[in-house]
């Protein structure tokens, strides 16, 4: 499984209803896309939930490498982003764990998502890395038991040795997120609103640790 995300940062006075209309028009194209676990159509609004920017930043979890490749370079949809906004950097992670939370059975589109990026310790001992990841998996498993959690994902970027902690949920975290830059530095938590969730193969994602 692969997680991918790109960020389109928009002017401070940008009308986000333009993006919301874009989402309503584009969502049906991915609601039944083979190989896609889910796409969370994510928005941040300047001044809301601690965000300093207006930003469109969808996050995908793909079950199929080939389907992800087709989306990016095979005419599968990414060309629309390139046409309208230029070609953004696409961040990508290997999914290490996925958990369904209690809210998944009750809510089709959870309204909130959080994304936290944390650095993996630099200890060169491979056993230390395995232990760190195992702790992160167990912390996510425990979080996923909370009633407001819909879906929780842990993933690794081995080019920067950074973990992605991504949670779809029915309410915003009780503690406000610290103010952050557009790129969301490691250790910070970004809060997004979720106008839509395309989830064609969400139920088929491996539950628990991915290996």
Protein backbone atom coordinates (compact mmCIF):
# COMPACT_ATOMS: atom_id res chain seq x y z
CA UNK A 1 0.00 0.00 0.00
CA UNK A 2 1.16 3.49 -0.85
CA UNK A 3 0.10 6.83 0.63
CA UNK A 4 0.49 9.94 -1.52
CA UNK A 5 -0.28 13.60 -0.95
CA UNK A 6 0.28 16.86 -2.80
CA UNK A 7 -0.39 20.36 -1.50
CA UNK A 8 -1.79 23.27 -3.50
CA UNK A 9 -1.32 26.41 -1.39
CA UNK A 10 -3.68 29.17 -2.49
CA UNK A 11 -3.74 32.97 -2.05
CA UNK A 12 -5.08 34.33 1.25
CA UNK A 13 -8.12 35.84 -0.51
CA UNK A 14 -8.83 32.77 -2.65
CA UNK A 15 -12.48 31.71 -2.79
CA UNK A 16 -12.40 28.14 -1.46
CA UNK A 17 -15.87 27.53 -2.88
CA UNK A 18 -14.06 27.16 -6.21
CA UNK A 19 -12.23 24.16 -4.76
CA UNK A 20 -15.39 22.79 -3.17
CA UNK A 21 -17.11 22.88 -6.57
CA UNK A 22 -14.05 21.18 -8.07
CA UNK A 23 -14.35 18.42 -5.48
CA UNK A 24 -18.06 17.89 -6.17
CA UNK A 25 -17.33 17.61 -9.88
CA UNK A 26 -14.27 15.37 -9.55
CA UNK A 27 -15.28 13.02 -6.75
CA UNK A 28 -17.40 10.67 -8.91
CA UNK A 29 -14.33 9.94 -11.05
CA UNK A 30 -12.58 8.35 -8.07
CA UNK A 31 -15.50 6.99 -6.07
CA UNK A 32 -15.18 3.69 -7.93
CA UNK A 33 -11.50 3.76 -9.01
CA UNK A 34 -9.97 0.24 -8.99
CA UNK A 35 -6.87 -0.06 -6.84
CA UNK A 36 -7.67 2.99 -4.69
CA UNK A 37 -8.25 2.33 -1.02
CA UNK A 38 -9.38 5.88 -0.41
CA UNK A 39 -8.85 9.50 -1.34
CA UNK A 40 -9.52 12.07 1.36
CA UNK A 41 -10.30 15.35 -0.39
CA UNK A 42 -8.69 17.72 2.11
CA UNK A 43 -8.98 21.48 2.64
CA UNK A 44 -7.34 23.89 5.05
CA UNK A 45 -8.74 27.39 5.45
CA UNK A 46 -6.61 30.30 6.59
CA UNK A 47 -7.47 31.22 10.18
CA UNK A 48 -9.39 27.99 10.89
CA UNK A 49 -8.08 25.07 12.96
CA UNK A 50 -4.71 26.80 13.37
CA UNK A 51 -3.98 26.94 9.65
CA UNK A 52 -1.96 29.91 8.32
CA UNK A 53 -2.91 29.15 4.70
CA UNK A 54 -5.66 28.24 2.29
CA UNK A 55 -4.69 24.86 0.92
CA UNK A 56 -6.05 21.98 -1.12
CA UNK A 57 -4.09 18.87 -0.12
CA UNK A 58 -5.76 15.54 -0.97
CA UNK A 59 -4.29 12.36 0.49
CA UNK A 60 -4.56 8.97 -1.22
CA UNK A 61 -3.97 5.43 0.01
CA UNK A 62 -3.52 3.09 -2.95
CA UNK A 63 -3.79 -0.69 -2.77
CA UNK A 64 -2.23 -1.07 -6.21
CA UNK A 65 1.11 0.42 -7.32
CA UNK A 66 -0.07 0.19 -10.91
CA UNK A 67 -3.24 2.14 -10.19
CA UNK A 68 -1.19 4.84 -8.45
CA UNK A 69 1.17 5.01 -11.43
CA UNK A 70 -1.72 5.28 -13.87
CA UNK A 71 -3.18 8.14 -11.86
CA UNK A 72 0.10 10.08 -11.90
CA UNK A 73 1.39 9.52 -15.42
CA UNK A 74 -1.08 7.38 -17.34
CA UNK A 75 -3.92 9.81 -17.86
CA UNK A 76 -5.73 8.74 -14.71
CA UNK A 77 -6.57 12.19 -13.39
CA UNK A 78 -3.43 13.95 -12.14
CA UNK A 79 -3.14 15.77 -15.45
CA UNK A 80 -6.10 17.92 -14.35
CA UNK A 81 -4.11 19.25 -11.38
CA UNK A 82 -1.10 19.91 -13.61
CA UNK A 83 -3.29 21.75 -16.10
CA UNK A 84 -4.91 24.01 -13.52
CA UNK A 85 -2.19 24.53 -10.90
CA UNK A 86 1.11 23.34 -12.37
CA UNK A 87 2.88 20.14 -11.35
CA UNK A 88 3.25 19.93 -7.56
CA UNK A 89 5.63 17.76 -5.58
CA UNK A 90 3.90 14.51 -4.63
CA UNK A 91 4.95 13.22 -1.22
CA UNK A 92 4.77 9.46 -0.85
CA UNK A 93 5.00 6.93 1.95
CA UNK A 94 4.94 3.16 2.34
CA UNK A 95 1.95 2.23 4.47
CA UNK A 96 2.98 0.37 7.63
CA UNK A 97 -0.41 -0.03 9.31
CA UNK A 98 -4.09 0.71 8.84
CA UNK A 99 -6.93 0.52 11.35
CA UNK A 100 -10.68 0.95 11.03
CA UNK A 101 -12.18 2.94 13.89
CA UNK A 102 -15.66 2.68 15.45
CA UNK A 103 -16.96 5.68 13.48
CA UNK A 104 -16.49 3.96 10.12
CA UNK A 105 -19.69 1.96 10.49
CA UNK A 106 -21.74 5.08 11.22
CA UNK A 107 -20.20 7.85 9.10
CA UNK A 108 -19.48 7.65 5.38
CA UNK A 109 -17.59 10.96 5.20
CA UNK A 110 -15.81 11.92 8.42
CA UNK A 111 -15.58 15.72 8.47
CA UNK A 112 -12.07 16.09 9.92
CA UNK A 113 -8.60 14.70 9.22
CA UNK A 114 -5.34 15.17 11.10
CA UNK A 115 -1.84 14.67 9.73
CA UNK A 116 1.26 14.50 11.91
CA UNK A 117 4.79 14.00 10.63
CA UNK A 118 7.46 12.71 13.01
CA UNK A 119 11.14 11.96 12.45
CA UNK A 120 12.39 8.42 12.94
CA UNK A 121 15.26 8.30 15.49
CA UNK A 122 18.70 8.30 13.91
CA UNK A 123 19.96 5.29 15.87
CA UNK A 124 21.61 3.09 13.19
CA UNK A 125 20.62 -0.13 14.97
CA UNK A 126 17.91 -1.74 12.79
CA UNK A 127 16.35 -3.26 15.90
CA UNK A 128 15.90 0.23 17.33
CA UNK A 129 14.06 1.28 14.17
CA UNK A 130 11.83 -1.79 14.34
CA UNK A 131 11.04 -1.10 17.99
CA UNK A 132 10.21 2.54 17.26
CA UNK A 133 7.85 1.59 14.45
CA UNK A 134 6.23 -1.12 16.56
CA UNK A 135 5.49 1.45 19.28
CA UNK A 136 4.01 3.80 16.70
CA UNK A 137 1.80 1.00 15.35
CA UNK A 138 0.53 0.17 18.83
CA UNK A 139 -0.14 3.84 19.61
CA UNK A 140 -2.17 4.09 16.41
CA UNK A 141 -4.03 0.88 17.25
CA UNK A 142 -5.00 2.35 20.62
CA UNK A 143 -6.04 5.67 19.06
CA UNK A 144 -8.19 3.83 16.52
CA UNK A 145 -10.33 2.45 19.36
CA UNK A 146 -11.63 5.93 20.19
CA UNK A 147 -15.28 6.39 19.16
CA UNK A 148 -14.59 9.45 17.00
CA UNK A 149 -11.99 7.70 14.81
CA UNK A 150 -13.05 6.54 11.35
CA UNK A 151 -9.71 5.45 9.82
CA UNK A 152 -6.09 5.62 10.99
CA UNK A 153 -2.96 5.11 8.88
CA UNK A 154 0.75 4.96 9.70
CA UNK A 155 3.23 5.24 6.83
CA UNK A 156 6.96 5.76 6.29
CA UNK A 157 8.92 8.02 3.96
CA UNK A 158 12.34 6.28 3.83
CA UNK A 159 13.90 9.12 1.83
CA UNK A 160 13.51 11.44 4.85
CA UNK A 161 12.99 8.75 7.53
CA UNK A 162 9.75 10.32 8.55
CA UNK A 163 6.50 8.78 9.76
CA UNK A 164 3.08 9.93 8.63
CA UNK A 165 0.29 9.59 11.21
CA UNK A 166 -3.01 10.21 9.40
CA UNK A 167 -6.43 10.00 11.06
CA UNK A 168 -9.94 10.52 9.67
CA UNK A 169 -12.31 11.44 12.50
CA UNK A 170 -15.73 12.82 13.29
CA UNK A 171 -14.52 15.82 15.32
CA UNK A 172 -11.49 18.05 15.63
CA UNK A 173 -8.89 17.14 18.28
CA UNK A 174 -9.63 18.59 21.70
CA UNK A 175 -6.22 20.26 21.88
CA UNK A 176 -5.81 22.90 19.16
CA UNK A 177 -3.05 22.31 16.65
CA UNK A 178 0.00 24.54 16.98
CA UNK A 179 0.34 27.17 14.26
CA UNK A 180 2.27 25.73 11.36
CA UNK A 181 3.81 26.63 8.04
CA UNK A 182 2.32 25.48 4.77
CA UNK A 183 4.71 22.55 4.53
CA UNK A 184 3.76 21.19 7.98
CA UNK A 185 7.16 20.65 9.63
CA UNK A 186 7.94 17.37 11.35
CA UNK A 187 6.23 17.04 14.70
CA UNK A 188 3.40 19.46 13.94
CA UNK A 189 -0.23 18.45 13.47
CA UNK A 190 -2.24 19.79 10.56
CA UNK A 191 -6.03 19.76 10.80
CA UNK A 192 -7.98 19.47 7.55
CA UNK A 193 -11.65 19.53 6.68
CA UNK A 194 -12.92 16.67 4.50
CA UNK A 195 -15.57 17.77 1.98
CA UNK A 196 -15.62 14.27 0.47
CA UNK A 197 -14.13 10.81 0.92
CA UNK A 198 -13.75 8.58 -2.13
CA UNK A 199 -13.40 5.09 -0.67
CA UNK A 200 -13.82 2.47 -3.41
CA UNK A 201 -11.60 -0.18 -1.73
CA UNK A 202 -11.39 1.11 1.83
CA UNK A 203 -12.93 -2.07 3.23
CA UNK A 204 -10.30 -4.16 1.42
CA UNK A 205 -7.29 -2.44 3.02
CA UNK A 206 -5.22 -4.75 5.21
CA UNK A 207 -6.27 -4.31 8.83
CA UNK A 208 -3.48 -3.82 11.34
CA UNK A 209 0.21 -4.00 10.54
CA UNK A 210 0.93 -4.31 6.82
CA UNK A 211 3.55 -7.09 7.07
